[in-house]
Amino acid sequence: MKTKLFLILFLCAGYMQAQIFEPVIWKTSVEKISDTEYDLIVTAKIEKGWHLYSQSVPEGGPVATSFSFEENTNYLKKGNTTEEKGHTVNDPIFEMEIKYFSDAARFTQRIKLRNDQAFQINGIVTFMVCDDSRCLPPTSEDLTFTIK
């Protein structure tokens, strides 16, 4: 009986240690601005207690959030990806002033269409998240936008 109980506790402890943290869920959408311009919208839902870092991070800090979009003859990027205001604080982990997002974040990339065909735009977001005691390694997620 003691052996079975020990085995069950050992397996449970091993399972709990092997948890994979995924504190950010990414979603994409498209907003039509005019007949030729669209906004590619990327929203991040962030678990309570975690911080997603801005696209602008001081040297020596965490990995900044970054976006790349697959080049395509159907569109032209207009400017850089923008982000919401967020929070700027003295980060206890990196010991510097850093802008981050908690709960949710919204990023926008404006594009101009080169034709009127339906197509998809593929992209990648690379990001890093931390809570008050640890950081997860930088992660990349695929993004897909459908222009109709």
N, C-alpha and C. Protein backbone atom coordinates (compact mmCIF):
# COMPACT_ATOMS: atom_id res chain seq x y z
N MET A 1 0.81 -1.19 0.00
CA MET A 1 0.00 0.00 0.00
C MET A 1 0.87 1.26 0.00
N LYS A 2 1.91 1.27 0.85
CA LYS A 2 2.80 2.43 0.92
C LYS A 2 3.52 2.63 -0.42
N THR A 3 3.88 1.54 -1.08
CA THR A 3 4.57 1.63 -2.35
C THR A 3 3.67 2.27 -3.41
N LYS A 4 2.39 1.87 -3.43
CA LYS A 4 1.46 2.44 -4.40
C LYS A 4 1.25 3.93 -4.13
N LEU A 5 1.10 4.29 -2.88
CA LEU A 5 0.90 5.69 -2.53
C LEU A 5 2.13 6.52 -2.93
N PHE A 6 3.32 6.01 -2.66
CA PHE A 6 4.55 6.69 -3.03
C PHE A 6 4.62 6.86 -4.55
N LEU A 7 4.28 5.82 -5.31
CA LEU A 7 4.32 5.87 -6.76
C LEU A 7 3.34 6.90 -7.30
N ILE A 8 2.15 6.96 -6.74
CA ILE A 8 1.15 7.94 -7.19
C ILE A 8 1.63 9.36 -6.89
N LEU A 9 2.16 9.59 -5.69
CA LEU A 9 2.67 10.92 -5.35
C LEU A 9 3.85 11.32 -6.23
N PHE A 10 4.72 10.38 -6.53
CA PHE A 10 5.88 10.63 -7.38
C PHE A 10 5.44 11.02 -8.79
N LEU A 11 4.48 10.29 -9.34
CA LEU A 11 3.98 10.59 -10.69
C LEU A 11 3.27 11.94 -10.73
N CYS A 12 2.49 12.25 -9.70
CA CYS A 12 1.80 13.54 -9.65
C CYS A 12 2.80 14.69 -9.58
N ALA A 13 3.83 14.55 -8.76
CA ALA A 13 4.85 15.59 -8.62
C ALA A 13 5.58 15.78 -9.95
N GLY A 14 5.90 14.70 -10.63
CA GLY A 14 6.57 14.78 -11.93
C GLY A 14 5.70 15.46 -12.96
N TYR A 15 4.42 15.18 -12.94
CA TYR A 15 3.49 15.81 -13.88
C TYR A 15 3.40 17.31 -13.62
N MET A 16 3.32 17.69 -12.37
CA MET A 16 3.21 19.11 -12.03
C MET A 16 4.47 19.87 -12.42
N GLN A 17 5.65 19.26 -12.30
CA GLN A 17 6.90 19.90 -12.68
C GLN A 17 7.01 20.07 -14.18
N ALA A 18 6.34 19.22 -14.96
CA ALA A 18 6.46 19.22 -16.41
C ALA A 18 5.42 20.11 -17.08
N GLN A 19 4.71 20.93 -16.31
CA GLN A 19 3.70 21.81 -16.89
C GLN A 19 4.35 22.77 -17.88
N ILE A 20 3.63 23.02 -18.95
CA ILE A 20 4.08 23.98 -19.94
C ILE A 20 3.26 25.25 -19.73
N PHE A 21 3.94 26.35 -19.53
CA PHE A 21 3.26 27.60 -19.34
C PHE A 21 2.99 28.25 -20.69
N GLU A 22 1.78 28.64 -20.94
CA GLU A 22 1.39 29.39 -22.13
C GLU A 22 0.51 30.55 -21.67
N PRO A 23 1.13 31.58 -21.07
CA PRO A 23 0.34 32.64 -20.48
C PRO A 23 -0.22 33.68 -21.46
N VAL A 24 0.08 33.52 -22.75
CA VAL A 24 -0.44 34.48 -23.74
C VAL A 24 -1.15 33.71 -24.86
N ILE A 25 -2.35 34.17 -25.18
CA ILE A 25 -3.11 33.62 -26.32
C ILE A 25 -3.23 34.74 -27.35
N TRP A 26 -2.83 34.44 -28.58
CA TRP A 26 -2.83 35.42 -29.66
C TRP A 26 -4.01 35.20 -30.59
N LYS A 27 -4.65 36.30 -31.01
CA LYS A 27 -5.74 36.24 -31.99
C LYS A 27 -5.51 37.33 -33.03
N THR A 28 -5.97 37.05 -34.25
CA THR A 28 -5.83 38.01 -35.33
C THR A 28 -7.20 38.39 -35.88
N SER A 29 -7.26 39.59 -36.42
CA SER A 29 -8.46 40.05 -37.12
C SER A 29 -8.03 41.11 -38.12
N VAL A 30 -8.98 41.49 -38.98
CA VAL A 30 -8.71 42.48 -40.02
C VAL A 30 -9.83 43.52 -39.97
N GLU A 31 -9.45 44.80 -40.02
CA GLU A 31 -10.43 45.88 -40.07
C GLU A 31 -10.23 46.67 -41.35
N LYS A 32 -11.32 46.83 -42.11
CA LYS A 32 -11.27 47.60 -43.35
C LYS A 32 -11.31 49.09 -42.99
N ILE A 33 -10.34 49.84 -43.48
CA ILE A 33 -10.27 51.27 -43.23
C ILE A 33 -10.86 52.04 -44.42
N SER A 34 -10.54 51.59 -45.62
CA SER A 34 -11.07 52.17 -46.86
C SER A 34 -11.06 51.08 -47.91
N ASP A 35 -11.37 51.43 -49.16
CA ASP A 35 -11.36 50.42 -50.23
C ASP A 35 -9.97 49.83 -50.45
N THR A 36 -8.93 50.57 -50.09
CA THR A 36 -7.57 50.09 -50.36
C THR A 36 -6.72 49.92 -49.11
N GLU A 37 -7.22 50.29 -47.93
CA GLU A 37 -6.43 50.17 -46.71
C GLU A 37 -7.13 49.31 -45.66
N TYR A 38 -6.33 48.48 -45.00
CA TYR A 38 -6.82 47.60 -43.94
C TYR A 38 -5.85 47.67 -42.77
N ASP A 39 -6.37 47.41 -41.58
CA ASP A 39 -5.53 47.23 -40.41
C ASP A 39 -5.49 45.75 -40.05
N LEU A 40 -4.27 45.23 -39.89
CA LEU A 40 -4.09 43.89 -39.37
C LEU A 40 -4.00 44.04 -37.86
N ILE A 41 -4.94 43.41 -37.14
CA ILE A 41 -5.02 43.56 -35.69
C ILE A 41 -4.55 42.26 -35.03
N VAL A 42 -3.64 42.40 -34.08
CA VAL A 42 -3.17 41.26 -33.30
C VAL A 42 -3.47 41.57 -31.84
N THR A 43 -4.25 40.71 -31.20
CA THR A 43 -4.55 40.91 -29.78
C THR A 43 -3.95 39.78 -28.96
N ALA A 44 -3.44 40.15 -27.82
CA ALA A 44 -2.86 39.18 -26.90
C ALA A 44 -3.69 39.18 -25.63
N LYS A 45 -4.17 38.01 -25.24
CA LYS A 45 -4.83 37.86 -23.94
C LYS A 45 -3.78 37.28 -23.00
N ILE A 46 -3.52 38.00 -21.91
CA ILE A 46 -2.40 37.67 -21.02
C ILE A 46 -2.95 37.20 -19.68
N GLU A 47 -2.49 36.04 -19.23
CA GLU A 47 -2.94 35.50 -17.94
C GLU A 47 -2.58 36.46 -16.81
N LYS A 48 -3.43 36.47 -15.80
CA LYS A 48 -3.22 37.32 -14.63
C LYS A 48 -1.85 37.04 -14.01
N GLY A 49 -1.14 38.11 -13.69
CA GLY A 49 0.17 37.98 -13.05
C GLY A 49 1.34 37.98 -14.02
N TRP A 50 1.08 37.84 -15.33
CA TRP A 50 2.15 37.82 -16.33
C TRP A 50 2.23 39.16 -17.04
N HIS A 51 3.40 39.48 -17.59
CA HIS A 51 3.64 40.72 -18.32
C HIS A 51 4.20 40.39 -19.69
N LEU A 52 3.64 40.99 -20.71
CA LEU A 52 4.13 40.90 -22.09
C LEU A 52 4.86 42.20 -22.37
N TYR A 53 6.09 42.11 -22.85
CA TYR A 53 6.90 43.31 -23.04
C TYR A 53 6.59 44.01 -24.36
N SER A 54 6.84 45.30 -24.37
CA SER A 54 6.61 46.19 -25.50
C SER A 54 7.53 45.86 -26.67
N GLN A 55 7.28 46.55 -27.78
CA GLN A 55 8.17 46.44 -28.95
C GLN A 55 9.45 47.27 -28.74
N SER A 56 9.42 48.16 -27.77
CA SER A 56 10.57 49.03 -27.46
C SER A 56 11.05 48.71 -26.05
N VAL A 57 12.19 48.04 -25.97
CA VAL A 57 12.75 47.63 -24.68
C VAL A 57 14.21 48.10 -24.63
N PRO A 58 14.66 48.68 -23.51
CA PRO A 58 16.05 49.11 -23.42
C PRO A 58 17.04 47.95 -23.57
N GLU A 59 18.22 48.28 -24.02
CA GLU A 59 19.29 47.29 -24.16
C GLU A 59 19.57 46.65 -22.80
N GLY A 60 19.74 45.34 -22.79
CA GLY A 60 20.00 44.61 -21.56
C GLY A 60 18.73 44.14 -20.87
N GLY A 61 17.58 44.48 -21.45
CA GLY A 61 16.30 44.07 -20.88
C GLY A 61 15.80 42.78 -21.50
N PRO A 62 14.53 42.51 -21.33
CA PRO A 62 13.94 41.30 -21.90
C PRO A 62 13.85 41.41 -23.42
N VAL A 63 13.50 40.31 -24.06
CA VAL A 63 13.30 40.31 -25.51
C VAL A 63 12.03 41.11 -25.82
N ALA A 64 12.16 42.08 -26.69
CA ALA A 64 11.02 42.90 -27.08
C ALA A 64 10.06 42.09 -27.97
N THR A 65 8.79 42.43 -27.90
CA THR A 65 7.81 41.83 -28.81
C THR A 65 8.11 42.36 -30.21
N SER A 66 8.10 41.46 -31.19
CA SER A 66 8.38 41.89 -32.57
C SER A 66 7.46 41.14 -33.53
N PHE A 67 7.17 41.80 -34.63
CA PHE A 67 6.30 41.23 -35.66
C PHE A 67 7.02 41.22 -36.99
N SER A 68 6.83 40.16 -37.73
CA SER A 68 7.31 40.12 -39.11
C SER A 68 6.17 39.59 -39.97
N PHE A 69 6.03 40.18 -41.16
CA PHE A 69 4.96 39.81 -42.07
C PHE A 69 5.58 39.34 -43.38
N GLU A 70 5.09 38.21 -43.86
CA GLU A 70 5.59 37.64 -45.11
C GLU A 70 5.32 38.62 -46.25
N GLU A 71 6.34 38.89 -47.03
CA GLU A 71 6.16 39.79 -48.17
C GLU A 71 5.24 39.13 -49.19
N ASN A 72 4.45 39.98 -49.85
CA ASN A 72 3.43 39.48 -50.75
C ASN A 72 3.16 40.60 -51.76
N THR A 73 2.99 40.27 -53.03
CA THR A 73 2.77 41.29 -54.05
C THR A 73 1.37 41.90 -53.98
N ASN A 74 0.50 41.36 -53.13
CA ASN A 74 -0.88 41.85 -53.03
C ASN A 74 -1.02 43.06 -52.11
N TYR A 75 0.00 43.37 -51.32
CA TYR A 75 -0.12 44.48 -50.37
C TYR A 75 1.21 45.16 -50.12
N LEU A 76 1.12 46.33 -49.49
CA LEU A 76 2.29 47.08 -49.09
C LEU A 76 2.08 47.51 -47.64
N LYS A 77 3.07 47.27 -46.77
CA LYS A 77 2.99 47.73 -45.37
C LYS A 77 3.11 49.24 -45.34
N LYS A 78 2.30 49.86 -44.48
CA LYS A 78 2.37 51.31 -44.29
C LYS A 78 2.85 51.57 -42.86
N GLY A 79 4.08 51.99 -42.72
CA GLY A 79 4.62 52.28 -41.39
C GLY A 79 4.95 51.02 -40.62
N ASN A 80 5.19 51.21 -39.33
CA ASN A 80 5.53 50.11 -38.44
C ASN A 80 4.30 49.66 -37.65
N THR A 81 4.41 48.51 -37.03
CA THR A 81 3.34 48.00 -36.17
C THR A 81 3.25 48.91 -34.94
N THR A 82 2.03 49.35 -34.62
CA THR A 82 1.81 50.21 -33.46
C THR A 82 1.26 49.39 -32.30
N GLU A 83 1.35 49.94 -31.11
CA GLU A 83 0.85 49.26 -29.92
C GLU A 83 0.15 50.25 -29.01
N GLU A 84 -0.62 49.71 -28.07
CA GLU A 84 -1.32 50.54 -27.10
C GLU A 84 -0.35 51.15 -26.11
N LYS A 85 -0.90 51.96 -25.20
CA LYS A 85 -0.07 52.67 -24.22
C LYS A 85 0.67 51.74 -23.28
N GLY A 86 0.02 50.77 -22.69
CA GLY A 86 0.68 49.86 -21.75
C GLY A 86 1.04 50.53 -20.43
N HIS A 87 1.91 49.88 -19.67
CA HIS A 87 2.37 50.37 -18.37
C HIS A 87 3.89 50.52 -18.42
N THR A 88 4.40 51.62 -17.91
CA THR A 88 5.85 51.78 -17.80
C THR A 88 6.19 51.78 -16.31
N VAL A 89 7.06 50.84 -15.92
CA VAL A 89 7.42 50.68 -14.51
C VAL A 89 8.91 50.37 -14.38
N ASN A 90 9.40 50.49 -13.15
CA ASN A 90 10.74 50.00 -12.85
C ASN A 90 10.61 48.50 -12.62
N ASP A 91 11.07 47.72 -13.56
CA ASP A 91 10.91 46.26 -13.52
C ASP A 91 11.86 45.67 -12.48
N PRO A 92 11.33 44.89 -11.49
CA PRO A 92 12.19 44.33 -10.45
C PRO A 92 13.13 43.24 -10.95
N ILE A 93 12.76 42.57 -12.02
CA ILE A 93 13.61 41.49 -12.53
C ILE A 93 14.80 42.05 -13.30
N PHE A 94 14.54 43.02 -14.19
CA PHE A 94 15.60 43.56 -15.04
C PHE A 94 16.22 44.84 -14.49
N GLU A 95 15.64 45.36 -13.38
CA GLU A 95 16.15 46.54 -12.72
C GLU A 95 16.32 47.71 -13.68
N MET A 96 15.26 47.99 -14.45
CA MET A 96 15.24 49.12 -15.37
C MET A 96 13.80 49.50 -15.66
N GLU A 97 13.62 50.67 -16.23
CA GLU A 97 12.29 51.12 -16.61
C GLU A 97 11.90 50.44 -17.92
N ILE A 98 10.77 49.73 -17.90
CA ILE A 98 10.34 48.94 -19.05
C ILE A 98 8.84 49.12 -19.25
N LYS A 99 8.44 49.17 -20.51
CA LYS A 99 7.02 49.20 -20.86
C LYS A 99 6.54 47.77 -21.08
N TYR A 100 5.40 47.44 -20.46
CA TYR A 100 4.84 46.11 -20.64
C TYR A 100 3.32 46.19 -20.65
N PHE A 101 2.69 45.06 -20.97
CA PHE A 101 1.24 44.94 -20.99
C PHE A 101 0.82 43.85 -20.03
N SER A 102 -0.29 44.07 -19.35
CA SER A 102 -0.88 43.02 -18.51
C SER A 102 -2.33 42.88 -18.92
N ASP A 103 -2.90 41.72 -18.73
CA ASP A 103 -4.28 41.38 -19.10
C ASP A 103 -4.49 41.26 -20.60
N ALA A 104 -4.20 42.33 -21.36
CA ALA A 104 -4.41 42.29 -22.82
C ALA A 104 -3.55 43.34 -23.49
N ALA A 105 -3.29 43.12 -24.77
CA ALA A 105 -2.56 44.09 -25.59
C ALA A 105 -3.09 44.01 -27.01
N ARG A 106 -3.03 45.15 -27.69
CA ARG A 106 -3.49 45.21 -29.09
C ARG A 106 -2.40 45.88 -29.92
N PHE A 107 -2.06 45.23 -31.02
CA PHE A 107 -1.05 45.72 -31.95
C PHE A 107 -1.71 45.87 -33.32
N THR A 108 -1.32 46.91 -34.07
CA THR A 108 -1.97 47.19 -35.35
C THR A 108 -0.92 47.47 -36.42
N GLN A 109 -1.11 46.84 -37.58
CA GLN A 109 -0.26 47.10 -38.74
C GLN A 109 -1.16 47.51 -39.91
N ARG A 110 -0.98 48.72 -40.41
CA ARG A 110 -1.76 49.20 -41.55
C ARG A 110 -1.12 48.70 -42.84
N ILE A 111 -1.97 48.29 -43.79
CA ILE A 111 -1.50 47.86 -45.11
C ILE A 111 -2.31 48.57 -46.20
N LYS A 112 -1.72 48.64 -47.38
CA LYS A 112 -2.41 49.18 -48.55
C LYS A 112 -2.46 48.08 -49.60
N LEU A 113 -3.66 47.82 -50.13
CA LEU A 113 -3.84 46.77 -51.13
C LEU A 113 -3.29 47.23 -52.48
N ARG A 114 -2.75 46.28 -53.21
CA ARG A 114 -2.24 46.56 -54.56
C ARG A 114 -3.21 46.07 -55.63
N ASN A 115 -4.20 45.28 -55.22
CA ASN A 115 -5.23 44.79 -56.14
C ASN A 115 -6.47 44.45 -55.34
N ASP A 116 -7.49 43.92 -55.99
CA ASP A 116 -8.74 43.62 -55.28
C ASP A 116 -8.98 42.12 -55.11
N GLN A 117 -7.93 41.33 -55.16
CA GLN A 117 -8.06 39.88 -54.98
C GLN A 117 -8.07 39.52 -53.49
N ALA A 118 -8.76 38.42 -53.16
CA ALA A 118 -8.71 37.89 -51.79
C ALA A 118 -7.37 37.17 -51.61
N PHE A 119 -6.77 37.29 -50.43
CA PHE A 119 -5.50 36.63 -50.17
C PHE A 119 -5.26 36.55 -48.67
N GLN A 120 -4.20 35.83 -48.29
CA GLN A 120 -3.82 35.71 -46.89
C GLN A 120 -2.46 36.34 -46.67
N ILE A 121 -2.30 36.87 -45.48
CA ILE A 121 -1.00 37.38 -45.05
C ILE A 121 -0.56 36.54 -43.87
N ASN A 122 0.63 35.99 -43.95
CA ASN A 122 1.19 35.22 -42.85
C ASN A 122 2.23 36.07 -42.12
N GLY A 123 2.25 35.92 -40.83
CA GLY A 123 3.21 36.67 -40.02
C GLY A 123 3.67 35.85 -38.84
N ILE A 124 4.58 36.42 -38.09
CA ILE A 124 5.11 35.78 -36.88
C ILE A 124 5.26 36.86 -35.82
N VAL A 125 4.85 36.52 -34.60
CA VAL A 125 5.12 37.38 -33.45
C VAL A 125 6.11 36.64 -32.56
N THR A 126 7.15 37.33 -32.14
CA THR A 126 8.12 36.79 -31.20
C THR A 126 8.01 37.64 -29.94
N PHE A 127 7.96 36.97 -28.78
CA PHE A 127 7.69 37.70 -27.55
C PHE A 127 8.28 36.98 -26.35
N MET A 128 8.31 37.70 -25.24
CA MET A 128 8.78 37.16 -23.97
C MET A 128 7.84 37.63 -22.88
N VAL A 129 7.55 36.76 -21.94
CA VAL A 129 6.69 37.13 -20.81
C VAL A 129 7.39 36.77 -19.50
N CYS A 130 7.06 37.58 -18.48
CA CYS A 130 7.60 37.33 -17.13
C CYS A 130 6.47 37.55 -16.13
N ASP A 131 6.61 36.92 -14.98
CA ASP A 131 5.77 37.27 -13.84
C ASP A 131 6.71 37.93 -12.83
N ASP A 132 6.31 38.05 -11.59
CA ASP A 132 7.16 38.75 -10.62
C ASP A 132 8.36 37.95 -10.14
N SER A 133 8.46 36.68 -10.55
CA SER A 133 9.58 35.88 -10.07
C SER A 133 10.36 35.15 -11.15
N ARG A 134 9.82 35.07 -12.36
CA ARG A 134 10.52 34.31 -13.42
C ARG A 134 10.10 34.80 -14.80
N CYS A 135 10.92 34.45 -15.78
CA CYS A 135 10.63 34.76 -17.18
C CYS A 135 10.65 33.47 -17.97
N LEU A 136 9.82 33.41 -18.99
CA LEU A 136 9.83 32.28 -19.90
C LEU A 136 10.71 32.62 -21.09
N PRO A 137 11.30 31.62 -21.72
CA PRO A 137 12.16 31.89 -22.88
C PRO A 137 11.34 32.55 -24.00
N PRO A 138 12.00 33.32 -24.86
CA PRO A 138 11.29 33.92 -25.99
C PRO A 138 10.58 32.84 -26.80
N THR A 139 9.39 33.19 -27.29
CA THR A 139 8.54 32.27 -28.03
C THR A 139 8.06 32.94 -29.30
N SER A 140 7.84 32.16 -30.34
CA SER A 140 7.28 32.68 -31.58
C SER A 140 5.97 31.98 -31.89
N GLU A 141 4.99 32.74 -32.40
CA GLU A 141 3.69 32.20 -32.80
C GLU A 141 3.40 32.64 -34.22
N ASP A 142 2.81 31.74 -35.00
CA ASP A 142 2.38 32.06 -36.36
C ASP A 142 1.09 32.87 -36.32
N LEU A 143 0.98 33.82 -37.25
CA LEU A 143 -0.21 34.63 -37.36
C LEU A 143 -0.73 34.54 -38.80
N THR A 144 -2.05 34.55 -38.97
CA THR A 144 -2.65 34.51 -40.30
C THR A 144 -3.78 35.52 -40.38
N PHE A 145 -3.79 36.30 -41.46
CA PHE A 145 -4.82 37.30 -41.71
C PHE A 145 -5.43 37.03 -43.07
N THR A 146 -6.75 37.09 -43.16
CA THR A 146 -7.42 36.87 -44.43
C THR A 146 -8.03 38.18 -44.91
N ILE A 147 -7.60 38.61 -46.10
CA ILE A 147 -8.12 39.82 -46.73
C ILE A 147 -9.12 39.38 -47.80
N LYS A 148 -10.35 39.85 -47.68
CA LYS A 148 -11.40 39.45 -48.64
C LYS A 148 -11.76 40.58 -49.56
